[in-house]
Amino acid sequence: LQIYAVTPVPENIDVLQMDRVPDRIKSFYRVNNVRRFRYDRPFHKGPKDKENEFK
């Protein structure tokens, strides 16, 4: 079982670009009804094996 944090990627929504829209409404559209997410996996470089020429 692996657990990763995900970040919502909002689609191009016109509400986020309007100046007159309150911040609470913009915040709602950033995280709700989102179809795409991005996640970052940690990368751990293992010890080098001197006998393996490919690593």
N, C-alpha and C. Protein backbone atom coordinates (compact mmCIF):
# COMPACT_ATOMS: atom_id res chain seq x y z
N LEU A 1 0.85 -1.17 0.00
CA LEU A 1 0.00 0.00 0.00
C LEU A 1 0.89 1.24 0.00
N GLN A 2 0.68 2.10 -0.96
CA GLN A 2 1.43 3.34 -1.04
C GLN A 2 0.45 4.51 -1.05
N ILE A 3 0.77 5.52 -0.30
CA ILE A 3 -0.10 6.69 -0.19
C ILE A 3 0.69 7.92 -0.64
N TYR A 4 0.12 8.66 -1.58
CA TYR A 4 0.74 9.87 -2.09
C TYR A 4 -0.22 11.04 -1.94
N ALA A 5 0.33 12.21 -1.72
CA ALA A 5 -0.48 13.43 -1.69
C ALA A 5 -0.76 13.84 -3.13
N VAL A 6 -1.97 14.26 -3.40
CA VAL A 6 -2.34 14.72 -4.74
C VAL A 6 -2.73 16.19 -4.68
N THR A 7 -2.51 16.86 -5.79
CA THR A 7 -2.86 18.27 -5.92
C THR A 7 -3.87 18.41 -7.05
N PRO A 8 -5.01 19.04 -6.81
CA PRO A 8 -5.97 19.20 -7.90
C PRO A 8 -5.45 20.16 -8.96
N VAL A 9 -5.70 19.82 -10.21
CA VAL A 9 -5.33 20.68 -11.33
C VAL A 9 -6.62 21.20 -11.95
N PRO A 10 -6.98 22.45 -11.66
CA PRO A 10 -8.25 22.97 -12.19
C PRO A 10 -8.17 23.17 -13.69
N GLU A 11 -9.30 22.95 -14.33
CA GLU A 11 -9.37 23.21 -15.76
C GLU A 11 -9.47 24.72 -15.97
N ASN A 12 -9.43 25.14 -17.20
CA ASN A 12 -9.48 26.57 -17.50
C ASN A 12 -10.89 27.08 -17.21
N ILE A 13 -11.09 27.59 -16.02
CA ILE A 13 -12.40 28.08 -15.59
C ILE A 13 -12.35 29.61 -15.59
N ASP A 14 -13.33 30.22 -16.23
CA ASP A 14 -13.36 31.68 -16.34
C ASP A 14 -13.55 32.35 -14.99
N VAL A 15 -14.19 31.67 -14.04
CA VAL A 15 -14.45 32.27 -12.73
C VAL A 15 -13.14 32.57 -12.00
N LEU A 16 -12.12 31.73 -12.19
CA LEU A 16 -10.85 31.93 -11.50
C LEU A 16 -10.10 33.16 -12.01
N GLN A 17 -10.42 33.62 -13.19
CA GLN A 17 -9.70 34.74 -13.77
C GLN A 17 -10.41 36.08 -13.61
N MET A 18 -11.62 36.07 -13.08
CA MET A 18 -12.36 37.32 -12.89
C MET A 18 -11.91 38.00 -11.60
N ASP A 19 -11.81 39.32 -11.64
CA ASP A 19 -11.37 40.08 -10.47
C ASP A 19 -12.49 40.31 -9.47
N ARG A 20 -13.71 40.39 -9.93
CA ARG A 20 -14.83 40.73 -9.04
C ARG A 20 -15.36 39.54 -8.24
N VAL A 21 -14.92 38.34 -8.54
CA VAL A 21 -15.41 37.14 -7.85
C VAL A 21 -14.70 37.03 -6.50
N PRO A 22 -15.44 36.80 -5.41
CA PRO A 22 -14.82 36.66 -4.09
C PRO A 22 -13.87 35.46 -4.02
N ASP A 23 -12.89 35.56 -3.13
CA ASP A 23 -11.88 34.52 -3.00
C ASP A 23 -12.46 33.19 -2.56
N ARG A 24 -13.51 33.21 -1.76
CA ARG A 24 -14.11 31.95 -1.31
C ARG A 24 -14.73 31.18 -2.47
N ILE A 25 -15.29 31.87 -3.42
CA ILE A 25 -15.87 31.21 -4.59
C ILE A 25 -14.76 30.68 -5.49
N LYS A 26 -13.69 31.44 -5.64
CA LYS A 26 -12.55 30.96 -6.42
C LYS A 26 -11.95 29.71 -5.78
N SER A 27 -11.84 29.71 -4.47
CA SER A 27 -11.32 28.55 -3.75
C SER A 27 -12.18 27.32 -3.98
N PHE A 28 -13.49 27.50 -4.01
CA PHE A 28 -14.40 26.39 -4.26
C PHE A 28 -14.13 25.78 -5.64
N TYR A 29 -14.00 26.62 -6.65
CA TYR A 29 -13.80 26.12 -8.01
C TYR A 29 -12.42 25.50 -8.21
N ARG A 30 -11.44 25.88 -7.39
CA ARG A 30 -10.10 25.30 -7.52
C ARG A 30 -10.05 23.84 -7.07
N VAL A 31 -10.87 23.47 -6.09
CA VAL A 31 -10.74 22.13 -5.50
C VAL A 31 -11.97 21.25 -5.68
N ASN A 32 -13.08 21.76 -6.14
CA ASN A 32 -14.28 20.94 -6.33
C ASN A 32 -14.55 20.71 -7.81
N ASN A 33 -15.15 19.56 -8.10
CA ASN A 33 -15.48 19.16 -9.47
C ASN A 33 -14.23 19.17 -10.35
N VAL A 34 -13.15 18.60 -9.82
CA VAL A 34 -11.88 18.52 -10.53
C VAL A 34 -11.72 17.12 -11.09
N ARG A 35 -11.28 17.02 -12.32
CA ARG A 35 -11.12 15.71 -12.96
C ARG A 35 -9.67 15.30 -13.10
N ARG A 36 -8.75 16.24 -12.97
CA ARG A 36 -7.33 15.94 -13.13
C ARG A 36 -6.59 16.25 -11.84
N PHE A 37 -5.66 15.37 -11.50
CA PHE A 37 -4.84 15.54 -10.31
C PHE A 37 -3.39 15.30 -10.67
N ARG A 38 -2.52 15.85 -9.84
CA ARG A 38 -1.09 15.67 -10.01
C ARG A 38 -0.54 15.13 -8.71
N TYR A 39 0.37 14.18 -8.80
CA TYR A 39 1.00 13.67 -7.58
C TYR A 39 2.50 13.57 -7.79
N ASP A 40 3.21 13.67 -6.70
CA ASP A 40 4.67 13.58 -6.73
C ASP A 40 5.09 12.36 -5.93
N ARG A 41 5.83 11.48 -6.59
CA ARG A 41 6.36 10.32 -5.89
C ARG A 41 7.76 10.66 -5.40
N PRO A 42 8.10 10.26 -4.19
CA PRO A 42 9.47 10.48 -3.74
C PRO A 42 10.42 9.57 -4.50
N PHE A 43 11.57 10.07 -4.86
CA PHE A 43 12.57 9.29 -5.57
C PHE A 43 13.76 9.10 -4.64
N HIS A 44 14.07 7.85 -4.37
CA HIS A 44 15.21 7.52 -3.51
C HIS A 44 16.25 6.79 -4.36
N LYS A 45 17.38 7.40 -4.49
CA LYS A 45 18.44 6.78 -5.27
C LYS A 45 19.15 5.77 -4.38
N GLY A 46 19.17 4.54 -4.83
CA GLY A 46 19.77 3.47 -4.04
C GLY A 46 21.29 3.50 -4.11
N PRO A 47 21.92 2.63 -3.36
CA PRO A 47 23.39 2.58 -3.38
C PRO A 47 23.88 2.07 -4.74
N LYS A 48 25.03 2.56 -5.17
CA LYS A 48 25.58 2.16 -6.46
C LYS A 48 26.22 0.78 -6.35
N ASP A 49 25.96 -0.02 -7.36
CA ASP A 49 26.58 -1.34 -7.45
C ASP A 49 27.74 -1.21 -8.42
N LYS A 50 28.97 -1.30 -7.93
CA LYS A 50 30.14 -1.08 -8.76
C LYS A 50 30.35 -2.20 -9.78
N GLU A 51 29.74 -3.34 -9.55
CA GLU A 51 29.91 -4.46 -10.47
C GLU A 51 28.90 -4.41 -11.62
N ASN A 52 27.89 -3.58 -11.51
CA ASN A 52 26.90 -3.46 -12.57
C ASN A 52 27.23 -2.21 -13.40
N GLU A 53 27.56 -2.41 -14.66
CA GLU A 53 27.97 -1.27 -15.49
C GLU A 53 26.81 -0.40 -15.94
N PHE A 54 25.56 -0.87 -15.79
CA PHE A 54 24.40 -0.12 -16.25
C PHE A 54 23.81 0.77 -15.18
N LYS A 55 24.19 0.63 -13.94
CA LYS A 55 23.61 1.44 -12.86
C LYS A 55 24.58 2.49 -12.42
